Amino acid sequence: DEEQLLAIIRTVPDKFESLMIFSHNPGLTDFVNSMNRDKVIPNIPTCGIVGFRYDVDRWNNVDFGKGDFLFFDFPKNGT
């Protein structure tokens, strides 16, 4: 669930500047919608990708609703 994914993110060593998470639904869609409540995505389809930016110095400071939504795309989107 979204709490577990956030807990994992908070354990990432601070030497890493970016992070990629792979997961399954419904947990992934729930997690993404918790991370940035300004952009609600009803469903992240298979091979969907979502990007966020966080203005933090430590992964431990990442929190729900604090990220800047960057993009959402998926193969059948046609882009």
Protein backbone atom coordinates (compact mmCIF):
# COMPACT_ATOMS: atom_id res chain seq x y z
CA ASP A 1 0.00 0.00 0.00
CA GLU A 2 0.99 3.66 -0.17
CA GLU A 3 2.34 3.72 3.41
CA GLN A 4 4.67 0.83 2.67
CA LEU A 5 5.97 2.43 -0.52
CA LEU A 6 6.62 5.74 1.26
CA ALA A 7 8.45 3.88 4.04
CA ILE A 8 10.69 2.23 1.42
CA ILE A 9 11.45 5.58 -0.24
CA ARG A 10 12.46 7.03 3.11
CA THR A 11 15.13 4.34 3.51
CA VAL A 12 16.91 5.11 0.23
CA PRO A 13 20.48 6.30 0.85
CA ASP A 14 20.82 10.05 0.28
CA LYS A 15 23.68 9.58 -2.17
CA PHE A 16 21.05 8.78 -4.84
CA GLU A 17 19.47 11.76 -6.59
CA SER A 18 16.68 9.88 -8.33
CA LEU A 19 14.58 6.82 -7.75
CA MET A 20 12.38 4.57 -9.86
CA ILE A 21 9.67 2.41 -8.30
CA PHE A 22 7.98 -0.54 -9.98
CA SER A 23 4.75 -1.83 -8.53
CA HIS A 24 1.29 -3.24 -9.24
CA ASN A 25 -2.21 -1.86 -8.95
CA PRO A 26 -4.21 -0.86 -7.11
CA GLY A 27 -1.33 0.04 -4.78
CA LEU A 28 0.66 2.01 -7.35
CA THR A 29 -2.26 4.20 -8.42
CA ASP A 30 -3.20 4.80 -4.77
CA PHE A 31 0.40 5.71 -3.96
CA VAL A 32 0.73 8.16 -6.87
CA ASN A 33 -2.53 9.88 -5.95
CA SER A 34 -1.36 10.20 -2.33
CA MET A 35 1.97 11.70 -3.37
CA ASN A 36 0.39 14.63 -5.21
CA ARG A 37 -3.28 15.30 -4.59
CA ASP A 38 -3.47 18.08 -7.23
CA LYS A 39 -3.38 15.58 -10.11
CA VAL A 40 -5.69 12.58 -9.66
CA ILE A 41 -5.04 9.64 -11.97
CA PRO A 42 -7.95 7.15 -12.00
CA ASN A 43 -5.75 4.24 -13.08
CA ILE A 44 -2.13 3.74 -14.07
CA PRO A 45 -2.28 1.12 -16.82
CA THR A 46 0.31 -1.57 -17.52
CA CYS A 47 3.68 0.05 -18.33
CA GLY A 48 2.39 3.46 -17.19
CA ILE A 49 4.93 5.93 -15.88
CA VAL A 50 4.50 8.91 -13.57
CA GLY A 51 7.13 11.47 -12.61
CA PHE A 52 7.41 13.71 -9.55
CA ARG A 53 10.01 16.14 -8.27
CA TYR A 54 10.68 16.74 -4.58
CA ASP A 55 12.64 19.69 -3.27
CA VAL A 56 14.32 17.80 -0.41
CA ASP A 57 17.91 17.03 0.59
CA ARG A 58 17.09 13.69 2.19
CA TRP A 59 14.80 10.87 1.07
CA ASN A 60 13.51 10.74 4.63
CA ASN A 61 11.87 14.15 4.01
CA VAL A 62 9.67 12.94 1.15
CA ASP A 63 6.01 13.01 2.19
CA PHE A 64 2.50 12.69 0.83
CA GLY A 65 1.14 15.70 -1.04
CA LYS A 66 4.49 17.52 -1.20
CA GLY A 67 5.74 16.60 -4.68
CA ASP A 68 5.58 18.48 -7.94
CA PHE A 69 3.79 16.42 -10.60
CA LEU A 70 5.89 16.23 -13.79
CA PHE A 71 4.23 13.78 -16.17
CA PHE A 72 2.00 10.74 -16.70
CA ASP A 73 2.19 8.57 -19.82
CA PHE A 74 1.54 5.03 -20.98
CA PRO A 75 2.06 3.08 -24.23
CA LYS A 76 -1.55 3.20 -25.50
CA ASN A 77 -1.70 6.96 -24.91
CA GLY A 78 -0.55 7.51 -28.47
CA THR A 79 2.13 10.07 -27.67
